[in-house]
Amino acid sequence: MPAPGHPVPPGAYRNQPRGHRWRVEGAHGTAKTLHGLARAIRRGIENMKIQALLTAVAMNLKKLAAAVQFIWSIIANRPVATIPASA
């Protein structure tokens, strides 16, 4: 049973695999440093939710574009052009 005021029981994160935590923290760090999630654009919880969702959509679209480019390069038998991380 969780402690009062805590939605997650203490120590619950210890049971998660290390690879999952590493991947999630990397995604959060990228969102904060490259996509402006470190600072809220507008005030309020709802506006922050909108900003977080739009940031996630932008990051997923970039991943999708990179995957499509990779698959297309395999199909066309061409070398893959790398996309800079800051793009």
N, C-alpha and C. Protein backbone atom coordinates (compact mmCIF):
# COMPACT_ATOMS: atom_id res chain seq x y z
N MET A 1 0.85 -1.19 0.00
CA MET A 1 0.00 0.00 0.00
C MET A 1 0.88 1.24 0.00
N PRO A 2 0.61 2.20 -0.88
CA PRO A 2 1.44 3.40 -0.94
C PRO A 2 1.28 4.25 0.31
N ALA A 3 2.36 4.97 0.63
CA ALA A 3 2.33 5.89 1.75
C ALA A 3 1.38 7.04 1.42
N PRO A 4 0.79 7.68 2.43
CA PRO A 4 -0.12 8.80 2.17
C PRO A 4 0.60 9.92 1.40
N GLY A 5 -0.03 10.38 0.35
CA GLY A 5 0.54 11.45 -0.44
C GLY A 5 1.52 10.98 -1.50
N HIS A 6 1.80 9.67 -1.55
CA HIS A 6 2.74 9.12 -2.53
C HIS A 6 1.99 8.16 -3.44
N PRO A 7 1.91 8.46 -4.75
CA PRO A 7 1.20 7.57 -5.67
C PRO A 7 1.94 6.27 -5.92
N VAL A 8 3.26 6.27 -5.73
CA VAL A 8 4.07 5.07 -5.97
C VAL A 8 4.69 4.64 -4.65
N PRO A 9 4.63 3.35 -4.34
CA PRO A 9 5.24 2.90 -3.08
C PRO A 9 6.74 3.15 -3.07
N PRO A 10 7.31 3.44 -1.90
CA PRO A 10 8.76 3.66 -1.83
C PRO A 10 9.51 2.42 -2.28
N GLY A 11 10.55 2.62 -3.08
CA GLY A 11 11.36 1.51 -3.56
C GLY A 11 10.80 0.79 -4.76
N ALA A 12 9.68 1.24 -5.32
CA ALA A 12 9.07 0.55 -6.45
C ALA A 12 9.94 0.63 -7.70
N TYR A 13 10.72 1.69 -7.82
CA TYR A 13 11.57 1.85 -9.00
C TYR A 13 12.76 0.89 -8.98
N ARG A 14 13.08 0.34 -7.84
CA ARG A 14 14.20 -0.60 -7.77
C ARG A 14 13.89 -1.88 -8.52
N ASN A 15 12.61 -2.20 -8.69
CA ASN A 15 12.23 -3.44 -9.35
C ASN A 15 12.27 -3.33 -10.87
N GLN A 16 12.39 -2.13 -11.41
CA GLN A 16 12.41 -1.96 -12.85
C GLN A 16 13.80 -2.28 -13.39
N PRO A 17 13.87 -2.83 -14.59
CA PRO A 17 15.18 -3.10 -15.18
C PRO A 17 15.94 -1.81 -15.43
N ARG A 18 17.26 -1.88 -15.30
CA ARG A 18 18.09 -0.69 -15.46
C ARG A 18 18.00 -0.12 -16.87
N GLY A 19 17.91 -0.97 -17.87
CA GLY A 19 17.85 -0.49 -19.25
C GLY A 19 16.64 0.38 -19.50
N HIS A 20 15.52 0.03 -18.89
CA HIS A 20 14.29 0.83 -19.06
C HIS A 20 14.48 2.22 -18.47
N ARG A 21 15.01 2.29 -17.26
CA ARG A 21 15.21 3.59 -16.63
C ARG A 21 16.19 4.44 -17.43
N TRP A 22 17.25 3.82 -17.94
CA TRP A 22 18.26 4.55 -18.69
C TRP A 22 17.64 5.13 -19.96
N ARG A 23 16.82 4.34 -20.64
CA ARG A 23 16.19 4.79 -21.88
C ARG A 23 15.20 5.93 -21.61
N VAL A 24 14.41 5.80 -20.57
CA VAL A 24 13.42 6.83 -20.25
C VAL A 24 14.11 8.13 -19.84
N GLU A 25 15.15 8.04 -19.02
CA GLU A 25 15.86 9.25 -18.61
C GLU A 25 16.52 9.93 -19.79
N GLY A 26 17.01 9.15 -20.75
CA GLY A 26 17.59 9.73 -21.96
C GLY A 26 16.55 10.48 -22.76
N ALA A 27 15.36 9.91 -22.88
CA ALA A 27 14.28 10.58 -23.62
C ALA A 27 13.86 11.86 -22.91
N HIS A 28 13.78 11.83 -21.59
CA HIS A 28 13.40 13.03 -20.84
C HIS A 28 14.48 14.10 -20.97
N GLY A 29 15.74 13.70 -20.92
CA GLY A 29 16.84 14.65 -21.08
C GLY A 29 16.83 15.30 -22.45
N THR A 30 16.56 14.50 -23.48
CA THR A 30 16.47 15.04 -24.84
C THR A 30 15.32 16.02 -24.95
N ALA A 31 14.19 15.67 -24.37
CA ALA A 31 13.03 16.56 -24.42
C ALA A 31 13.34 17.88 -23.72
N LYS A 32 14.07 17.82 -22.63
CA LYS A 32 14.37 19.03 -21.88
C LYS A 32 15.42 19.89 -22.59
N THR A 33 16.47 19.25 -23.12
CA THR A 33 17.57 20.04 -23.67
C THR A 33 17.34 20.47 -25.11
N LEU A 34 16.78 19.60 -25.94
CA LEU A 34 16.65 19.90 -27.37
C LEU A 34 15.26 20.37 -27.78
N HIS A 35 14.25 20.14 -26.94
CA HIS A 35 12.88 20.44 -27.36
C HIS A 35 12.16 21.41 -26.42
N GLY A 36 12.88 22.05 -25.53
CA GLY A 36 12.30 23.12 -24.72
C GLY A 36 11.35 22.70 -23.62
N LEU A 37 11.45 21.47 -23.15
CA LEU A 37 10.54 21.04 -22.10
C LEU A 37 11.03 21.41 -20.70
N ALA A 38 12.21 21.99 -20.61
CA ALA A 38 12.75 22.37 -19.31
C ALA A 38 11.99 23.56 -18.71
N ARG A 39 11.38 24.34 -19.58
CA ARG A 39 10.68 25.54 -19.11
C ARG A 39 9.30 25.60 -19.75
N ALA A 40 8.31 25.91 -18.95
CA ALA A 40 6.94 25.99 -19.45
C ALA A 40 6.77 27.25 -20.30
N ILE A 41 6.09 27.09 -21.42
CA ILE A 41 5.82 28.23 -22.29
C ILE A 41 4.69 29.08 -21.70
N ARG A 42 3.64 28.42 -21.23
CA ARG A 42 2.49 29.10 -20.63
C ARG A 42 2.25 28.56 -19.22
N ARG A 43 1.51 29.29 -18.45
CA ARG A 43 1.24 28.89 -17.07
C ARG A 43 0.07 27.93 -17.00
N GLY A 44 0.09 27.05 -16.00
CA GLY A 44 -1.03 26.16 -15.76
C GLY A 44 -0.72 24.71 -16.12
N ILE A 45 -1.39 23.82 -15.40
CA ILE A 45 -1.18 22.39 -15.61
C ILE A 45 -1.65 21.96 -16.99
N GLU A 46 -2.80 22.41 -17.41
CA GLU A 46 -3.34 22.00 -18.71
C GLU A 46 -2.41 22.45 -19.85
N ASN A 47 -1.90 23.67 -19.76
CA ASN A 47 -0.99 24.17 -20.80
C ASN A 47 0.32 23.40 -20.80
N MET A 48 0.78 22.98 -19.62
CA MET A 48 2.00 22.18 -19.54
C MET A 48 1.77 20.79 -20.14
N LYS A 49 0.57 20.24 -19.92
CA LYS A 49 0.24 18.94 -20.52
C LYS A 49 0.27 19.04 -22.04
N ILE A 50 -0.29 20.13 -22.57
CA ILE A 50 -0.29 20.34 -24.03
C ILE A 50 1.14 20.45 -24.54
N GLN A 51 1.97 21.20 -23.83
CA GLN A 51 3.36 21.36 -24.25
C GLN A 51 4.09 20.02 -24.23
N ALA A 52 3.87 19.22 -23.19
CA ALA A 52 4.53 17.91 -23.09
C ALA A 52 4.05 16.98 -24.20
N LEU A 53 2.76 17.00 -24.50
CA LEU A 53 2.25 16.14 -25.57
C LEU A 53 2.80 16.56 -26.93
N LEU A 54 2.84 17.85 -27.20
CA LEU A 54 3.39 18.32 -28.48
C LEU A 54 4.87 18.00 -28.61
N THR A 55 5.60 18.08 -27.49
CA THR A 55 7.01 17.71 -27.50
C THR A 55 7.17 16.23 -27.82
N ALA A 56 6.33 15.39 -27.19
CA ALA A 56 6.38 13.95 -27.45
C ALA A 56 6.04 13.64 -28.91
N VAL A 57 5.06 14.35 -29.46
CA VAL A 57 4.70 14.14 -30.86
C VAL A 57 5.87 14.51 -31.76
N ALA A 58 6.53 15.64 -31.48
CA ALA A 58 7.67 16.06 -32.30
C ALA A 58 8.80 15.04 -32.23
N MET A 59 9.09 14.54 -31.04
CA MET A 59 10.15 13.54 -30.89
C MET A 59 9.80 12.25 -31.62
N ASN A 60 8.56 11.82 -31.54
CA ASN A 60 8.15 10.60 -32.22
C ASN A 60 8.17 10.76 -33.74
N LEU A 61 7.79 11.94 -34.23
CA LEU A 61 7.86 12.19 -35.67
C LEU A 61 9.30 12.16 -36.17
N LYS A 62 10.22 12.69 -35.38
CA LYS A 62 11.63 12.63 -35.76
C LYS A 62 12.12 11.18 -35.81
N LYS A 63 11.71 10.37 -34.83
CA LYS A 63 12.09 8.95 -34.84
C LYS A 63 11.50 8.25 -36.04
N LEU A 64 10.25 8.54 -36.35
CA LEU A 64 9.59 7.92 -37.50
C LEU A 64 10.28 8.32 -38.80
N ALA A 65 10.65 9.59 -38.93
CA ALA A 65 11.33 10.05 -40.14
C ALA A 65 12.69 9.35 -40.29
N ALA A 66 13.40 9.19 -39.19
CA ALA A 66 14.69 8.50 -39.25
C ALA A 66 14.52 7.03 -39.63
N ALA A 67 13.49 6.39 -39.10
CA ALA A 67 13.24 4.98 -39.42
C ALA A 67 12.85 4.81 -40.89
N VAL A 68 12.00 5.70 -41.39
CA VAL A 68 11.59 5.63 -42.79
C VAL A 68 12.79 5.87 -43.69
N GLN A 69 13.64 6.83 -43.33
CA GLN A 69 14.83 7.10 -44.12
C GLN A 69 15.76 5.88 -44.12
N PHE A 70 15.90 5.23 -42.99
CA PHE A 70 16.75 4.04 -42.89
C PHE A 70 16.20 2.91 -43.75
N ILE A 71 14.90 2.67 -43.66
CA ILE A 71 14.28 1.60 -44.45
C ILE A 71 14.38 1.93 -45.93
N TRP A 72 14.14 3.17 -46.28
CA TRP A 72 14.22 3.56 -47.69
C TRP A 72 15.64 3.39 -48.22
N SER A 73 16.64 3.68 -47.39
CA SER A 73 18.02 3.50 -47.83
C SER A 73 18.34 2.03 -48.06
N ILE A 74 17.76 1.15 -47.27
CA ILE A 74 17.97 -0.29 -47.47
C ILE A 74 17.29 -0.72 -48.77
N ILE A 75 16.08 -0.25 -48.98
CA ILE A 75 15.34 -0.62 -50.19
C ILE A 75 16.07 -0.10 -51.43
N ALA A 76 16.52 1.13 -51.39
CA ALA A 76 17.16 1.74 -52.54
C ALA A 76 18.64 1.38 -52.64
N ASN A 77 19.16 0.66 -51.63
CA ASN A 77 20.55 0.22 -51.62
C ASN A 77 21.52 1.40 -51.63
N ARG A 78 21.19 2.42 -50.83
CA ARG A 78 22.02 3.60 -50.73
C ARG A 78 22.54 3.73 -49.31
N PRO A 79 23.64 4.46 -49.10
CA PRO A 79 24.10 4.69 -47.73
C PRO A 79 23.14 5.63 -46.99
N VAL A 80 23.08 5.45 -45.68
CA VAL A 80 22.17 6.23 -44.84
C VAL A 80 22.84 7.55 -44.48
N ALA A 81 22.13 8.65 -44.68
CA ALA A 81 22.61 9.96 -44.24
C ALA A 81 22.25 10.13 -42.78
N THR A 82 23.19 10.56 -41.97
CA THR A 82 22.93 10.72 -40.55
C THR A 82 22.27 12.06 -40.30
N ILE A 83 21.36 12.08 -39.33
CA ILE A 83 20.67 13.30 -38.93
C ILE A 83 21.33 13.79 -37.66
N PRO A 84 21.79 15.04 -37.61
CA PRO A 84 22.41 15.54 -36.37
C PRO A 84 21.41 15.55 -35.22
N ALA A 85 21.91 15.32 -34.03
CA ALA A 85 21.04 15.22 -32.85
C ALA A 85 20.36 16.55 -32.55
N SER A 86 20.97 17.67 -32.88
CA SER A 86 20.39 18.97 -32.56
C SER A 86 19.38 19.45 -33.59
N ALA A 87 19.11 18.65 -34.59
CA ALA A 87 18.16 19.07 -35.64
C ALA A 87 16.74 18.95 -35.17
